[in-house]
Amino acid sequence: MDATTLDVIITGGISVFGAGLSFLGAQKGAKTQIETTEKSVENNMEIARMNIEEKLIAENKINWNNRTRELISKFIRQCFDINHGIDQVQIINKKRELSVDPSLPSKERNKYSKISKEDLEMAKKTMVAISDAVETVMEIRLHIFDKSDSLGNELLERIIDVEKYFQRMEKIPSAELSQLTELARNYFEIQWKELTKDIK
């Protein structure tokens, strides 16, 4: 074998060896690229999943907050209806008292002893309104349950205080209803700020 042939064989061997090393390097680089891409896809999917979970949590908080607001608004409306009904029931009770008042002439007592169908219907509607309001209070209590939420607990205490009036068939003072409305407004303002902070 002459020197030229040996050079060709050595050069060819070096080329084949170099090509082999290049192939192995390219294969390793491709494998690394695939692993990097797969890891990146996994990370992006995890971030997307976390974003979806955070969005769902935020949406659930908003829905919960809106339902609580609806319940409290409903309760305040019910209180005004109950006050009107209690006025009517007190008129009926006054008529009953006058119907047995010995200081009145019998003709006048007889006039007061007749209770109209409208009066009876109003008394019945008032009792239904009170029953509905008690049910609304129970729902509100289920919605405001965080013991560490001082404003929420203050609002709940105020609602329970207001409930005691109509449970005794007493009118709820306007000042109490105004304070309850203002406290509810402050409560929901703070809740809304918290919710929108989470969304940003």
N, C-alpha and C. Protein backbone atom coordinates (compact mmCIF):
# COMPACT_ATOMS: atom_id res chain seq x y z
N MET A 1 0.85 -1.16 0.00
CA MET A 1 0.00 0.00 0.00
C MET A 1 0.90 1.23 0.00
N ASP A 2 0.63 2.07 -0.90
CA ASP A 2 1.49 3.24 -1.00
C ASP A 2 0.96 4.36 -0.09
N ALA A 3 1.72 5.41 0.01
CA ALA A 3 1.41 6.52 0.92
C ALA A 3 0.15 7.25 0.53
N THR A 4 -0.13 7.38 -0.74
CA THR A 4 -1.32 8.08 -1.21
C THR A 4 -2.57 7.31 -0.81
N THR A 5 -2.54 6.03 -0.99
CA THR A 5 -3.70 5.20 -0.64
C THR A 5 -3.92 5.27 0.86
N LEU A 6 -2.80 5.19 1.61
CA LEU A 6 -2.90 5.27 3.06
C LEU A 6 -3.47 6.63 3.48
N ASP A 7 -3.07 7.70 2.84
CA ASP A 7 -3.61 9.04 3.12
C ASP A 7 -5.11 9.09 2.85
N VAL A 8 -5.52 8.48 1.73
CA VAL A 8 -6.94 8.47 1.35
C VAL A 8 -7.74 7.69 2.40
N ILE A 9 -7.17 6.54 2.82
CA ILE A 9 -7.88 5.72 3.82
C ILE A 9 -7.96 6.48 5.14
N ILE A 10 -6.88 7.09 5.56
CA ILE A 10 -6.86 7.83 6.83
C ILE A 10 -7.80 9.04 6.73
N THR A 11 -7.72 9.77 5.63
CA THR A 11 -8.59 10.94 5.45
C THR A 11 -10.05 10.51 5.42
N GLY A 12 -10.32 9.40 4.71
CA GLY A 12 -11.70 8.88 4.64
C GLY A 12 -12.19 8.43 6.01
N GLY A 13 -11.26 7.77 6.73
CA GLY A 13 -11.63 7.31 8.09
C GLY A 13 -11.93 8.48 9.01
N ILE A 14 -11.07 9.51 8.89
CA ILE A 14 -11.27 10.71 9.72
C ILE A 14 -12.58 11.37 9.34
N SER A 15 -12.89 11.42 8.04
CA SER A 15 -14.14 12.03 7.58
C SER A 15 -15.35 11.26 8.10
N VAL A 16 -15.26 9.91 7.99
CA VAL A 16 -16.37 9.07 8.47
C VAL A 16 -16.52 9.24 9.98
N PHE A 17 -15.37 9.25 10.68
CA PHE A 17 -15.40 9.43 12.13
C PHE A 17 -15.99 10.80 12.49
N GLY A 18 -15.56 11.83 11.74
CA GLY A 18 -16.08 13.20 11.97
C GLY A 18 -17.57 13.28 11.68
N ALA A 19 -17.97 12.61 10.59
CA ALA A 19 -19.40 12.60 10.25
C ALA A 19 -20.19 11.88 11.33
N GLY A 20 -19.60 10.79 11.83
CA GLY A 20 -20.26 10.05 12.92
C GLY A 20 -20.41 10.90 14.17
N LEU A 21 -19.32 11.63 14.50
CA LEU A 21 -19.38 12.53 15.66
C LEU A 21 -20.40 13.64 15.44
N SER A 22 -20.43 14.17 14.21
CA SER A 22 -21.40 15.22 13.89
C SER A 22 -22.82 14.68 14.01
N PHE A 23 -23.03 13.44 13.51
CA PHE A 23 -24.36 12.82 13.59
C PHE A 23 -24.77 12.63 15.04
N LEU A 24 -23.83 12.09 15.84
CA LEU A 24 -24.14 11.88 17.27
C LEU A 24 -24.41 13.21 17.97
N GLY A 25 -23.63 14.21 17.64
CA GLY A 25 -23.83 15.54 18.23
C GLY A 25 -25.18 16.12 17.83
N ALA A 26 -25.53 15.96 16.54
CA ALA A 26 -26.82 16.47 16.05
C ALA A 26 -27.97 15.71 16.71
N GLN A 27 -27.78 14.39 16.84
CA GLN A 27 -28.83 13.57 17.46
C GLN A 27 -29.01 13.98 18.93
N LYS A 28 -27.91 14.19 19.63
CA LYS A 28 -27.98 14.61 21.03
C LYS A 28 -28.60 16.01 21.14
N GLY A 29 -28.22 16.91 20.20
CA GLY A 29 -28.80 18.26 20.19
C GLY A 29 -30.29 18.21 19.91
N ALA A 30 -30.71 17.35 18.98
CA ALA A 30 -32.14 17.21 18.67
C ALA A 30 -32.90 16.67 19.88
N LYS A 31 -32.29 15.66 20.56
CA LYS A 31 -32.92 15.09 21.75
C LYS A 31 -33.06 16.16 22.84
N THR A 32 -32.01 16.95 23.03
CA THR A 32 -32.05 18.03 24.02
C THR A 32 -33.11 19.06 23.64
N GLN A 33 -33.19 19.38 22.35
CA GLN A 33 -34.19 20.34 21.87
C GLN A 33 -35.61 19.81 22.11
N ILE A 34 -35.82 18.52 21.84
CA ILE A 34 -37.14 17.90 22.07
C ILE A 34 -37.49 17.95 23.55
N GLU A 35 -36.51 17.58 24.41
CA GLU A 35 -36.75 17.61 25.86
C GLU A 35 -37.06 19.03 26.33
N THR A 36 -36.33 20.00 25.81
CA THR A 36 -36.55 21.41 26.18
C THR A 36 -37.94 21.85 25.73
N THR A 37 -38.32 21.48 24.51
CA THR A 37 -39.64 21.85 23.98
C THR A 37 -40.74 21.20 24.80
N GLU A 38 -40.58 19.90 25.12
CA GLU A 38 -41.58 19.19 25.92
C GLU A 38 -41.72 19.84 27.30
N LYS A 39 -40.60 20.19 27.91
CA LYS A 39 -40.62 20.83 29.24
C LYS A 39 -41.32 22.19 29.15
N SER A 40 -41.03 22.93 28.07
CA SER A 40 -41.65 24.24 27.87
C SER A 40 -43.17 24.10 27.69
N VAL A 41 -43.57 23.09 26.90
CA VAL A 41 -45.01 22.84 26.70
C VAL A 41 -45.66 22.47 28.03
N GLU A 42 -45.00 21.60 28.83
CA GLU A 42 -45.53 21.22 30.14
C GLU A 42 -45.69 22.45 31.04
N ASN A 43 -44.65 23.29 31.07
CA ASN A 43 -44.71 24.51 31.89
C ASN A 43 -45.84 25.43 31.44
N ASN A 44 -45.97 25.60 30.13
CA ASN A 44 -47.04 26.46 29.60
C ASN A 44 -48.42 25.90 29.94
N MET A 45 -48.55 24.56 29.85
CA MET A 45 -49.83 23.94 30.20
C MET A 45 -50.14 24.10 31.68
N GLU A 46 -49.12 23.98 32.52
CA GLU A 46 -49.30 24.16 33.97
C GLU A 46 -49.71 25.60 34.28
N ILE A 47 -49.06 26.55 33.63
CA ILE A 47 -49.41 27.96 33.82
C ILE A 47 -50.84 28.22 33.36
N ALA A 48 -51.20 27.65 32.21
CA ALA A 48 -52.57 27.82 31.69
C ALA A 48 -53.57 27.21 32.64
N ARG A 49 -53.26 26.01 33.18
CA ARG A 49 -54.16 25.36 34.14
C ARG A 49 -54.32 26.21 35.40
N MET A 50 -53.19 26.75 35.89
CA MET A 50 -53.26 27.61 37.08
C MET A 50 -54.08 28.86 36.80
N ASN A 51 -53.91 29.45 35.62
CA ASN A 51 -54.69 30.64 35.26
C ASN A 51 -56.18 30.33 35.20
N ILE A 52 -56.50 29.15 34.64
CA ILE A 52 -57.92 28.75 34.57
C ILE A 52 -58.48 28.57 35.97
N GLU A 53 -57.70 27.90 36.86
CA GLU A 53 -58.16 27.70 38.24
C GLU A 53 -58.35 29.03 38.95
N GLU A 54 -57.38 29.94 38.79
CA GLU A 54 -57.50 31.26 39.42
C GLU A 54 -58.71 32.01 38.90
N LYS A 55 -58.95 31.90 37.60
CA LYS A 55 -60.10 32.57 37.00
C LYS A 55 -61.40 31.98 37.53
N LEU A 56 -61.45 30.65 37.63
CA LEU A 56 -62.65 29.99 38.17
C LEU A 56 -62.90 30.40 39.62
N ILE A 57 -61.82 30.45 40.40
CA ILE A 57 -61.96 30.87 41.81
C ILE A 57 -62.49 32.30 41.87
N ALA A 58 -61.91 33.19 41.07
CA ALA A 58 -62.35 34.59 41.05
C ALA A 58 -63.81 34.69 40.61
N GLU A 59 -64.20 33.92 39.59
CA GLU A 59 -65.60 33.96 39.12
C GLU A 59 -66.54 33.43 40.20
N ASN A 60 -66.13 32.37 40.89
CA ASN A 60 -66.96 31.83 41.98
C ASN A 60 -67.11 32.84 43.12
N LYS A 61 -66.02 33.55 43.42
CA LYS A 61 -66.09 34.59 44.47
C LYS A 61 -67.07 35.69 44.06
N ILE A 62 -67.02 36.08 42.78
CA ILE A 62 -67.93 37.13 42.29
C ILE A 62 -69.37 36.65 42.37
N ASN A 63 -69.63 35.41 41.95
CA ASN A 63 -70.99 34.86 42.00
C ASN A 63 -71.49 34.78 43.44
N TRP A 64 -70.62 34.33 44.36
CA TRP A 64 -70.98 34.23 45.77
C TRP A 64 -71.30 35.62 46.32
N ASN A 65 -70.45 36.58 45.99
CA ASN A 65 -70.64 37.95 46.45
C ASN A 65 -71.95 38.53 45.91
N ASN A 66 -72.22 38.29 44.62
CA ASN A 66 -73.47 38.80 44.02
C ASN A 66 -74.69 38.17 44.67
N ARG A 67 -74.63 36.87 44.97
CA ARG A 67 -75.76 36.20 45.62
C ARG A 67 -75.98 36.76 47.03
N THR A 68 -74.90 37.01 47.74
CA THR A 68 -75.02 37.59 49.09
C THR A 68 -75.65 38.98 49.01
N ARG A 69 -75.22 39.76 48.04
CA ARG A 69 -75.80 41.11 47.84
C ARG A 69 -77.29 41.02 47.53
N GLU A 70 -77.67 40.08 46.67
CA GLU A 70 -79.10 39.89 46.34
C GLU A 70 -79.90 39.55 47.58
N LEU A 71 -79.35 38.66 48.41
CA LEU A 71 -80.06 38.24 49.63
C LEU A 71 -80.24 39.41 50.60
N ILE A 72 -79.18 40.20 50.77
CA ILE A 72 -79.28 41.33 51.70
C ILE A 72 -80.24 42.39 51.16
N SER A 73 -80.18 42.65 49.86
CA SER A 73 -81.13 43.61 49.25
C SER A 73 -82.56 43.11 49.41
N LYS A 74 -82.75 41.82 49.19
CA LYS A 74 -84.08 41.22 49.35
C LYS A 74 -84.57 41.38 50.79
N PHE A 75 -83.66 41.13 51.75
CA PHE A 75 -84.03 41.25 53.16
C PHE A 75 -84.44 42.68 53.51
N ILE A 76 -83.70 43.65 53.02
CA ILE A 76 -84.03 45.05 53.32
C ILE A 76 -85.40 45.41 52.73
N ARG A 77 -85.67 44.95 51.50
CA ARG A 77 -87.00 45.18 50.89
C ARG A 77 -88.09 44.51 51.73
N GLN A 78 -87.81 43.28 52.18
CA GLN A 78 -88.78 42.57 53.01
C GLN A 78 -89.07 43.33 54.30
N CYS A 79 -88.04 43.96 54.85
CA CYS A 79 -88.22 44.73 56.10
C CYS A 79 -89.20 45.88 55.88
N PHE A 80 -89.08 46.58 54.74
CA PHE A 80 -90.01 47.68 54.46
C PHE A 80 -91.43 47.14 54.29
N ASP A 81 -91.56 46.00 53.61
CA ASP A 81 -92.89 45.39 53.45
C ASP A 81 -93.47 44.96 54.79
N ILE A 82 -92.61 44.40 55.64
CA ILE A 82 -93.05 43.96 56.97
C ILE A 82 -93.50 45.16 57.79
N ASN A 83 -92.75 46.26 57.74
CA ASN A 83 -93.15 47.47 58.48
C ASN A 83 -94.54 47.92 58.06
N HIS A 84 -94.77 47.92 56.74
CA HIS A 84 -96.10 48.33 56.25
C HIS A 84 -97.17 47.36 56.77
N GLY A 85 -96.87 46.07 56.71
CA GLY A 85 -97.82 45.06 57.19
C GLY A 85 -98.09 45.18 58.68
N ILE A 86 -97.04 45.45 59.46
CA ILE A 86 -97.21 45.59 60.91
C ILE A 86 -98.08 46.80 61.22
N ASP A 87 -97.92 47.88 60.44
CA ASP A 87 -98.82 49.04 60.60
C ASP A 87 -100.28 48.60 60.46
N GLN A 88 -100.53 47.81 59.42
CA GLN A 88 -101.91 47.36 59.16
C GLN A 88 -102.40 46.43 60.27
N VAL A 89 -101.53 45.53 60.73
CA VAL A 89 -101.91 44.60 61.81
C VAL A 89 -102.20 45.39 63.09
N GLN A 90 -101.43 46.44 63.34
CA GLN A 90 -101.67 47.26 64.54
C GLN A 90 -103.03 47.97 64.45
N ILE A 91 -103.40 48.37 63.24
CA ILE A 91 -104.73 48.98 63.05
C ILE A 91 -105.81 47.96 63.36
N ILE A 92 -105.63 46.73 62.89
CA ILE A 92 -106.60 45.66 63.17
C ILE A 92 -106.69 45.41 64.67
N ASN A 93 -105.53 45.35 65.33
CA ASN A 93 -105.52 45.13 66.78
C ASN A 93 -106.20 46.27 67.53
N LYS A 94 -105.99 47.48 67.04
CA LYS A 94 -106.65 48.64 67.68
C LYS A 94 -108.16 48.53 67.52
N LYS A 95 -108.61 48.09 66.33
CA LYS A 95 -110.05 47.89 66.12
C LYS A 95 -110.60 46.85 67.09
N ARG A 96 -109.84 45.78 67.29
CA ARG A 96 -110.29 44.74 68.23
C ARG A 96 -110.41 45.30 69.65
N GLU A 97 -109.42 46.10 70.03
CA GLU A 97 -109.47 46.71 71.37
C GLU A 97 -110.70 47.60 71.50
N LEU A 98 -110.96 48.40 70.46
CA LEU A 98 -112.11 49.31 70.50
C LEU A 98 -113.43 48.53 70.49
N SER A 99 -113.42 47.34 69.88
CA SER A 99 -114.66 46.56 69.80
C SER A 99 -115.09 46.02 71.16
N VAL A 100 -114.17 46.01 72.12
CA VAL A 100 -114.52 45.53 73.47
C VAL A 100 -114.36 46.63 74.52
N ASP A 101 -114.17 47.85 74.08
CA ASP A 101 -113.98 48.97 75.00
C ASP A 101 -115.34 49.37 75.60
N PRO A 102 -115.52 49.17 76.91
CA PRO A 102 -116.82 49.46 77.53
C PRO A 102 -117.16 50.96 77.54
N SER A 103 -116.17 51.81 77.33
CA SER A 103 -116.44 53.25 77.36
C SER A 103 -117.10 53.72 76.07
N LEU A 104 -117.12 52.87 75.03
CA LEU A 104 -117.73 53.23 73.75
C LEU A 104 -119.17 52.71 73.69
N PRO A 105 -120.03 53.44 72.98
CA PRO A 105 -121.39 52.93 72.80
C PRO A 105 -121.37 51.61 72.01
N SER A 106 -122.34 50.79 72.24
CA SER A 106 -122.37 49.46 71.62
C SER A 106 -122.39 49.53 70.09
N LYS A 107 -123.09 50.54 69.53
CA LYS A 107 -123.14 50.68 68.08
C LYS A 107 -121.73 50.88 67.51
N GLU A 108 -120.95 51.72 68.18
CA GLU A 108 -119.58 51.98 67.73
C GLU A 108 -118.71 50.75 67.93
N ARG A 109 -118.90 50.05 69.07
CA ARG A 109 -118.13 48.83 69.31
C ARG A 109 -118.41 47.79 68.22
N ASN A 110 -119.67 47.70 67.82
CA ASN A 110 -120.04 46.76 66.75
C ASN A 110 -119.35 47.11 65.44
N LYS A 111 -119.24 48.40 65.18
CA LYS A 111 -118.57 48.84 63.94
C LYS A 111 -117.11 48.36 63.92
N TYR A 112 -116.43 48.43 65.07
CA TYR A 112 -115.03 48.01 65.14
C TYR A 112 -114.86 46.49 65.18
N SER A 113 -115.90 45.78 65.56
CA SER A 113 -115.79 44.32 65.67
C SER A 113 -115.76 43.64 64.31
N LYS A 114 -116.18 44.35 63.27
CA LYS A 114 -116.19 43.76 61.93
C LYS A 114 -114.81 43.96 61.28
N ILE A 115 -114.18 42.82 61.03
CA ILE A 115 -112.87 42.86 60.38
C ILE A 115 -113.08 42.48 58.92
N SER A 116 -112.62 43.33 58.04
CA SER A 116 -112.84 43.10 56.61
C SER A 116 -111.95 41.98 56.07
N LYS A 117 -112.34 41.48 54.90
CA LYS A 117 -111.53 40.45 54.24
C LYS A 117 -110.16 41.03 53.88
N GLU A 118 -110.14 42.32 53.52
CA GLU A 118 -108.87 42.97 53.19
C GLU A 118 -107.93 43.00 54.40
N ASP A 119 -108.51 43.29 55.58
CA ASP A 119 -107.70 43.31 56.81
C ASP A 119 -107.12 41.93 57.09
N LEU A 120 -107.95 40.91 56.95
CA LEU A 120 -107.48 39.54 57.19
C LEU A 120 -106.42 39.14 56.18
N GLU A 121 -106.63 39.54 54.93
CA GLU A 121 -105.65 39.23 53.88
C GLU A 121 -104.32 39.93 54.16
N MET A 122 -104.40 41.17 54.61
CA MET A 122 -103.18 41.92 54.93
C MET A 122 -102.43 41.26 56.09
N ALA A 123 -103.17 40.82 57.11
CA ALA A 123 -102.54 40.14 58.26
C ALA A 123 -101.85 38.86 57.79
N LYS A 124 -102.52 38.13 56.93
CA LYS A 124 -101.94 36.88 56.40
C LYS A 124 -100.68 37.17 55.59
N LYS A 125 -100.73 38.19 54.71
CA LYS A 125 -99.57 38.56 53.90
C LYS A 125 -98.39 38.98 54.78
N THR A 126 -98.69 39.66 55.87
CA THR A 126 -97.64 40.10 56.79
C THR A 126 -96.95 38.90 57.42
N MET A 127 -97.73 37.91 57.83
CA MET A 127 -97.16 36.71 58.44
C MET A 127 -96.30 35.95 57.43
N VAL A 128 -96.75 35.89 56.19
CA VAL A 128 -95.97 35.23 55.13
C VAL A 128 -94.67 36.01 54.88
N ALA A 129 -94.77 37.35 54.87
CA ALA A 129 -93.58 38.18 54.66
C ALA A 129 -92.56 37.96 55.78
N ILE A 130 -93.04 37.85 57.00
CA ILE A 130 -92.14 37.60 58.14
C ILE A 130 -91.47 36.24 57.99
N SER A 131 -92.25 35.24 57.63
CA SER A 131 -91.70 33.90 57.44
C SER A 131 -90.64 33.89 56.33
N ASP A 132 -90.92 34.59 55.23
CA ASP A 132 -89.95 34.68 54.12
C ASP A 132 -88.68 35.40 54.56
N ALA A 133 -88.84 36.44 55.36
CA ALA A 133 -87.67 37.21 55.83
C ALA A 133 -86.80 36.36 56.76
N VAL A 134 -87.43 35.55 57.58
CA VAL A 134 -86.66 34.65 58.47
C VAL A 134 -85.84 33.67 57.62
N GLU A 135 -86.46 33.17 56.57
CA GLU A 135 -85.75 32.26 55.66
C GLU A 135 -84.58 32.98 54.97
N THR A 136 -84.79 34.22 54.57
CA THR A 136 -83.72 35.00 53.94
C THR A 136 -82.56 35.20 54.90
N VAL A 137 -82.87 35.47 56.17
CA VAL A 137 -81.81 35.64 57.18
C VAL A 137 -80.98 34.36 57.29
N MET A 138 -81.65 33.21 57.25
CA MET A 138 -80.92 31.94 57.33
C MET A 138 -79.96 31.80 56.15
N GLU A 139 -80.42 32.17 54.95
CA GLU A 139 -79.54 32.10 53.77
C GLU A 139 -78.36 33.07 53.90
N ILE A 140 -78.63 34.27 54.41
CA ILE A 140 -77.55 35.25 54.59
C ILE A 140 -76.51 34.70 55.57
N ARG A 141 -76.98 34.06 56.62
CA ARG A 141 -76.07 33.50 57.62
C ARG A 141 -75.16 32.43 57.00
N LEU A 142 -75.68 31.72 56.02
CA LEU A 142 -74.87 30.71 55.34
C LEU A 142 -73.85 31.36 54.39
N HIS A 143 -74.14 32.57 53.94
CA HIS A 143 -73.25 33.25 53.02
C HIS A 143 -72.16 34.07 53.72
N ILE A 144 -72.47 34.57 54.90
CA ILE A 144 -71.48 35.35 55.66
C ILE A 144 -71.05 34.47 56.83
N PHE A 145 -69.96 33.73 56.63
CA PHE A 145 -69.58 32.72 57.62
C PHE A 145 -68.14 32.87 58.12
N ASP A 146 -67.37 33.77 57.53
CA ASP A 146 -65.96 33.91 57.89
C ASP A 146 -65.84 34.64 59.23
N LYS A 147 -65.41 33.91 60.25
CA LYS A 147 -65.31 34.48 61.61
C LYS A 147 -64.29 35.62 61.68
N SER A 148 -63.31 35.62 60.77
CA SER A 148 -62.29 36.67 60.80
C SER A 148 -62.73 37.94 60.07
N ASP A 149 -63.87 37.89 59.40
CA ASP A 149 -64.38 39.05 58.64
C ASP A 149 -65.20 39.93 59.60
N SER A 150 -64.54 40.90 60.22
CA SER A 150 -65.20 41.70 61.26
C SER A 150 -66.38 42.50 60.70
N LEU A 151 -66.24 43.09 59.51
CA LEU A 151 -67.34 43.87 58.95
C LEU A 151 -68.52 42.97 58.56
N GLY A 152 -68.20 41.80 58.01
CA GLY A 152 -69.25 40.84 57.66
C GLY A 152 -70.01 40.37 58.90
N ASN A 153 -69.27 40.13 59.98
CA ASN A 153 -69.92 39.71 61.23
C ASN A 153 -70.75 40.83 61.85
N GLU A 154 -70.26 42.06 61.72
CA GLU A 154 -71.03 43.21 62.21
C GLU A 154 -72.34 43.34 61.41
N LEU A 155 -72.25 43.15 60.10
CA LEU A 155 -73.43 43.20 59.23
C LEU A 155 -74.42 42.11 59.63
N LEU A 156 -73.91 40.91 59.87
CA LEU A 156 -74.77 39.80 60.27
C LEU A 156 -75.44 40.07 61.61
N GLU A 157 -74.70 40.63 62.55
CA GLU A 157 -75.29 40.98 63.86
C GLU A 157 -76.40 42.02 63.70
N ARG A 158 -76.18 43.00 62.82
CA ARG A 158 -77.19 44.04 62.59
C ARG A 158 -78.45 43.42 61.98
N ILE A 159 -78.27 42.49 61.06
CA ILE A 159 -79.41 41.81 60.42
C ILE A 159 -80.21 41.04 61.47
N ILE A 160 -79.49 40.36 62.36
CA ILE A 160 -80.16 39.58 63.42
C ILE A 160 -80.88 40.52 64.38
N ASP A 161 -80.28 41.67 64.69
CA ASP A 161 -80.95 42.66 65.55
C ASP A 161 -82.25 43.15 64.90
N VAL A 162 -82.20 43.41 63.60
CA VAL A 162 -83.39 43.88 62.89
C VAL A 162 -84.46 42.78 62.88
N GLU A 163 -84.03 41.55 62.71
CA GLU A 163 -84.97 40.42 62.70
C GLU A 163 -85.75 40.33 64.01
N LYS A 164 -85.10 40.66 65.12
CA LYS A 164 -85.76 40.57 66.43
C LYS A 164 -86.99 41.47 66.51
N TYR A 165 -86.96 42.62 65.83
CA TYR A 165 -88.12 43.53 65.86
C TYR A 165 -89.34 42.84 65.28
N PHE A 166 -89.22 42.33 64.06
CA PHE A 166 -90.43 41.77 63.45
C PHE A 166 -90.80 40.42 64.04
N GLN A 167 -89.86 39.75 64.69
CA GLN A 167 -90.22 38.52 65.41
C GLN A 167 -91.16 38.85 66.58
N ARG A 168 -91.00 40.06 67.12
CA ARG A 168 -91.88 40.53 68.22
C ARG A 168 -93.09 41.30 67.69
N MET A 169 -93.24 41.30 66.35
CA MET A 169 -94.32 42.05 65.69
C MET A 169 -94.22 43.54 65.98
N GLU A 170 -92.97 44.03 66.04
CA GLU A 170 -92.73 45.46 66.22
C GLU A 170 -92.15 46.00 64.92
N LYS A 171 -92.49 47.24 64.62
CA LYS A 171 -91.92 47.89 63.44
C LYS A 171 -90.42 48.08 63.63
N ILE A 172 -89.71 47.93 62.53
CA ILE A 172 -88.27 48.17 62.55
C ILE A 172 -88.06 49.67 62.39
N PRO A 173 -87.36 50.31 63.33
CA PRO A 173 -87.13 51.75 63.20
C PRO A 173 -86.39 52.09 61.91
N SER A 174 -86.78 53.19 61.29
CA SER A 174 -86.14 53.63 60.04
C SER A 174 -84.64 53.80 60.21
N ALA A 175 -84.23 54.30 61.38
CA ALA A 175 -82.79 54.51 61.63
C ALA A 175 -82.04 53.18 61.56
N GLU A 176 -82.66 52.11 62.08
CA GLU A 176 -82.03 50.78 62.04
C GLU A 176 -81.87 50.32 60.59
N LEU A 177 -82.91 50.52 59.79
CA LEU A 177 -82.84 50.10 58.39
C LEU A 177 -81.82 50.93 57.61
N SER A 178 -81.73 52.22 57.92
CA SER A 178 -80.72 53.08 57.27
C SER A 178 -79.31 52.63 57.62
N GLN A 179 -79.09 52.33 58.90
CA GLN A 179 -77.77 51.87 59.33
C GLN A 179 -77.42 50.53 58.68
N LEU A 180 -78.41 49.64 58.60
CA LEU A 180 -78.19 48.35 57.97
C LEU A 180 -77.82 48.53 56.50
N THR A 181 -78.53 49.41 55.81
CA THR A 181 -78.26 49.66 54.40
C THR A 181 -76.86 50.23 54.20
N GLU A 182 -76.46 51.17 55.04
CA GLU A 182 -75.13 51.79 54.94
C GLU A 182 -74.04 50.78 55.23
N LEU A 183 -74.24 49.96 56.24
CA LEU A 183 -73.26 48.93 56.60
C LEU A 183 -73.12 47.92 55.45
N ALA A 184 -74.24 47.54 54.85
CA ALA A 184 -74.21 46.61 53.71
C ALA A 184 -73.45 47.24 52.54
N ARG A 185 -73.69 48.51 52.29
CA ARG A 185 -73.00 49.21 51.20
C ARG A 185 -71.49 49.21 51.42
N ASN A 186 -71.06 49.51 52.65
CA ASN A 186 -69.63 49.50 52.98
C ASN A 186 -69.04 48.09 52.83
N TYR A 187 -69.79 47.11 53.29
CA TYR A 187 -69.34 45.72 53.21
C TYR A 187 -69.09 45.32 51.76
N PHE A 188 -70.04 45.65 50.88
CA PHE A 188 -69.90 45.24 49.48
C PHE A 188 -68.86 46.07 48.74
N GLU A 189 -68.65 47.27 49.17
CA GLU A 189 -67.58 48.08 48.57
C GLU A 189 -66.22 47.44 48.84
N ILE A 190 -66.01 47.01 50.08
CA ILE A 190 -64.75 46.36 50.44
C ILE A 190 -64.62 45.02 49.72
N GLN A 191 -65.72 44.25 49.68
CA GLN A 191 -65.71 42.97 48.97
C GLN A 191 -65.34 43.16 47.51
N TRP A 192 -65.92 44.17 46.88
CA TRP A 192 -65.67 44.41 45.46
C TRP A 192 -64.21 44.77 45.22
N LYS A 193 -63.64 45.60 46.09
CA LYS A 193 -62.22 45.96 45.95
C LYS A 193 -61.33 44.73 46.07
N GLU A 194 -61.68 43.83 47.00
CA GLU A 194 -60.90 42.60 47.18
C GLU A 194 -61.00 41.73 45.92
N LEU A 195 -62.20 41.60 45.39
CA LEU A 195 -62.40 40.75 44.21
C LEU A 195 -61.66 41.30 42.99
N THR A 196 -61.77 42.59 42.76
CA THR A 196 -61.11 43.17 41.59
C THR A 196 -59.60 43.16 41.73
N LYS A 197 -59.11 43.21 42.96
CA LYS A 197 -57.67 43.10 43.18
C LYS A 197 -57.19 41.71 42.76
N ASP A 198 -57.98 40.67 43.07
CA ASP A 198 -57.61 39.30 42.70
C ASP A 198 -57.60 39.08 41.20
N ILE A 199 -58.47 39.79 40.48
CA ILE A 199 -58.62 39.57 39.05
C ILE A 199 -57.46 40.20 38.27
N LYS A 200 -56.92 41.31 38.75
CA LYS A 200 -55.86 42.04 38.02
C LYS A 200 -54.59 41.24 37.94
